[in-house]
Amino acid sequence: MTAHRAVIRAIALCWSVAAAAQARPQAQAQPQAQPQASRAELVLLGTGMPRPNPEASGPATAVVLGDRLFLFDAGPGVMRQLAAAGLSIKGATAVFVTHLHSDHTLGLPDLIFTSWVMGRQKPMALYGPHGLRAMTNHITAAWREDITIRTDGLEREVAGGWKVKVREIAAGVVYDSGGVRVTAIPVDHGDWKEAYGYRIDAGGRSFVISGDTRSSAALRAAARGADVLVHEAYPELRLAPEDRPGGENWPAYMKAFHTSDVEVGALAAAAGVKQVVLHHLVRMNGTDEELIAGVRRGGFKGPVVVGKDLQRF
């Protein structure tokens, strides 16, 4: 009986090896095979807004797949947050900017020059709206003496390692390589002529980052079926004129530039996203519980998280 079982095990092993051999060519034939088998992960580096908050750095979100790092926005403190998250400080695979508001771009000089000082040797790939090239040129011009001293002085940094390759984009797929696809979504952000959200499909997962926007039909369409929607928000119930010069325009400003918690809930429900993460919050003293309740009033019944710096999804 023991010998009989051994024979059965041997036959089963042969069948499993043969089945694996037959399946292997099919797996290799799949398009965009991912050379680095990994599950994509989203990391909130900075969830803050222009008001300085020690617990919420400027807007910045990372998507990580294997040893590749994709960065979305570069708010104040971005390099410190990359270090705190245990991610590369030698530069990202690619950087994507939603729009050129200062709170989303004040970390660009830090990102450009600190990554070089920490070992970056190749031009940084930087994607974003028109005007990004001029901004980047002004940044590198402002630090021209620093570049010269670090290159020609005793530090002997890699010549040209500070350089940036800017691509000013339009709506649609802006990056597609090695199983990572990034799609730019045109959104409405008040008076800005160009602003984008981004959808990232990578490692078998999909993430949508709203950028700064009022409620957007284009974003809703692009977010369909996404695993995680990272969206800015303000508490609808707290929106009112403010007692300050120009404060009477506050409700009109918020509705033109930003999205209420209720509107986020309606968008997420219509798009069928799996999870909502709120960030870049204009709280107006609203609590986490109030914001989540607002999303629920909008109709979204799935998981909702009020994002905190360094959380991972």
Foldseek 3Di string as FASTA:
>chain_A
DVVVVVVVVVVVVVVVVVVCVVCVVVLVPDPLAFPQQFAKKKAFLFFAAPPDDPFGFFGKMWIDGHLAIEIEFFFPPNLVSCVVLVHDLLAHQAYEYFDDDRRRHVRVLVSLPRSQLVPQQDAHHYEYAPVVVVVVVVSCVVCVVVLCCCCVHPVNGHNPSSHHDYDHDDFAWDDDHSAKTKTWFFAFAAPDPTGTWIWIGHSNFIETEGGWHEQDPRSLQVCAAHQEYEFEAEAPVLDDQDDDVVSNCRNVNCNRGHYHLLSQLLSCVSRVYQEYEYGHYPYSPPDPVSSVVSSVNNPHDHYYHDDTHGDMD
